[in-house]
Amino acid sequence: MARSRDARTDDVASDAWAELLGLKDEIASLVGAKADQLHAASRARTEAIAEQMNDMLHDVGETLKKDEQHLEEFIRERPLPALGIAFLAGLVLGVTLRALR
């Protein structure tokens, strides 16, 4: 009778162990699937942000080109006022930097 009880206990323990191992595998697969989903979602979001940044940089580059052309036209049309503005800007910058020391 004791032998029979030990055998049943061993059977229950091995069944419980097998069930635990099955649960462990199921949890691992669920966690792996969720990690894959999160990775795919973050990759898609990162690519979308990178595309937006490229568009913004392109727009900034176009704006800077236009501003540069306007500045060149202003300097060509009015060289003396442009030279005066550059001199004053340098003077203000120099005085400001000296005051910061």
Protein backbone atom coordinates (compact mmCIF):
# COMPACT_ATOMS: atom_id res chain seq x y z
CA MET A 1 0.00 0.00 0.00
CA ALA A 2 2.83 2.42 0.83
CA ARG A 3 4.47 1.50 -2.43
CA SER A 4 1.28 2.25 -4.31
CA ARG A 5 0.95 5.63 -2.59
CA ASP A 6 4.56 6.52 -3.47
CA ALA A 7 3.93 5.56 -7.10
CA ARG A 8 0.81 7.73 -7.22
CA THR A 9 2.71 10.62 -5.60
CA ASP A 10 5.47 10.22 -8.16
CA ASP A 11 2.88 10.17 -10.98
CA VAL A 12 1.22 13.33 -9.66
CA ALA A 13 4.59 15.03 -9.25
CA SER A 14 5.71 14.09 -12.74
CA ASP A 15 2.35 15.23 -14.18
CA ALA A 16 2.67 18.55 -12.33
CA TRP A 17 6.24 18.89 -13.53
CA ALA A 18 5.21 18.20 -17.13
CA GLU A 19 2.41 20.74 -16.84
CA LEU A 20 4.83 23.33 -15.44
CA LEU A 21 7.23 22.71 -18.29
CA GLY A 22 4.37 23.11 -20.77
CA LEU A 23 3.34 26.39 -19.13
CA LYS A 24 6.95 27.58 -19.21
CA ASP A 25 7.15 26.90 -22.95
CA GLU A 26 3.81 28.60 -23.57
CA ILE A 27 4.83 31.69 -21.59
CA ALA A 28 8.16 31.82 -23.43
CA SER A 29 6.42 31.72 -26.80
CA LEU A 30 3.93 34.42 -25.74
CA VAL A 31 6.71 36.66 -24.46
CA GLY A 32 8.72 36.08 -27.64
CA ALA A 33 5.71 36.95 -29.82
CA LYS A 34 5.05 40.13 -27.83
CA ALA A 35 8.71 41.12 -28.08
CA ASP A 36 8.59 40.61 -31.84
CA GLN A 37 5.47 42.77 -32.07
CA LEU A 38 7.07 45.52 -30.00
CA HIS A 39 10.23 45.37 -32.10
CA ALA A 40 8.27 45.64 -35.34
CA ALA A 41 6.18 48.53 -34.01
CA SER A 42 9.20 50.44 -32.74
CA ARG A 43 11.04 49.86 -36.03
CA ALA A 44 8.07 51.19 -38.01
CA ARG A 45 7.79 54.23 -35.74
CA THR A 46 11.53 54.90 -36.00
CA GLU A 47 11.40 54.72 -39.78
CA ALA A 48 8.44 57.11 -39.85
CA ILE A 49 10.29 59.59 -37.62
CA ALA A 50 13.42 59.30 -39.75
CA GLU A 51 11.38 60.03 -42.87
CA GLN A 52 9.80 63.08 -41.21
CA MET A 53 13.25 64.33 -40.19
CA ASN A 54 14.55 63.89 -43.73
CA ASP A 55 11.59 65.87 -45.07
CA MET A 56 12.18 68.61 -42.52
CA LEU A 57 15.89 68.77 -43.32
CA HIS A 58 15.08 69.01 -47.01
CA ASP A 59 12.66 71.88 -46.31
CA VAL A 60 15.24 73.65 -44.15
CA GLY A 61 17.85 73.22 -46.87
CA GLU A 62 15.52 74.72 -49.47
CA THR A 63 14.72 77.66 -47.17
CA LEU A 64 18.42 78.28 -46.52
CA LYS A 65 19.15 78.25 -50.26
CA LYS A 66 16.45 80.85 -50.86
CA ASP A 67 17.69 83.00 -47.98
CA GLU A 68 21.25 82.76 -49.27
CA GLN A 69 20.14 83.89 -52.72
CA HIS A 70 18.24 86.85 -51.23
CA LEU A 71 21.28 87.81 -49.15
CA GLU A 72 23.58 87.61 -52.18
CA GLU A 73 21.18 89.81 -54.16
CA PHE A 74 21.05 92.35 -51.33
CA ILE A 75 24.85 92.47 -51.12
CA ARG A 76 25.19 92.84 -54.90
CA GLU A 77 22.56 95.59 -55.08
CA ARG A 78 23.69 97.49 -51.94
CA PRO A 79 27.33 96.75 -51.09
CA LEU A 80 27.91 99.70 -48.73
CA PRO A 81 24.89 99.12 -46.48
CA ALA A 82 25.76 95.40 -46.42
CA LEU A 83 29.32 96.25 -45.35
CA GLY A 84 27.98 98.57 -42.62
CA ILE A 85 25.62 95.89 -41.34
CA ALA A 86 28.43 93.32 -41.24
CA PHE A 87 30.69 95.79 -39.39
CA LEU A 88 28.01 96.57 -36.79
CA ALA A 89 27.18 92.90 -36.31
CA GLY A 90 30.87 92.14 -35.71
CA LEU A 91 31.18 95.06 -33.30
CA VAL A 92 28.13 93.96 -31.30
CA LEU A 93 29.38 90.37 -31.20
CA GLY A 94 32.84 91.48 -30.07
CA VAL A 95 31.50 93.71 -27.30
CA THR A 96 29.15 90.96 -26.12
CA LEU A 97 31.91 88.37 -26.01
CA ARG A 98 34.23 90.73 -24.17
CA ALA A 99 31.51 91.49 -21.60
CA LEU A 100 31.05 87.77 -20.92
CA ARG A 101 34.66 87.34 -19.80
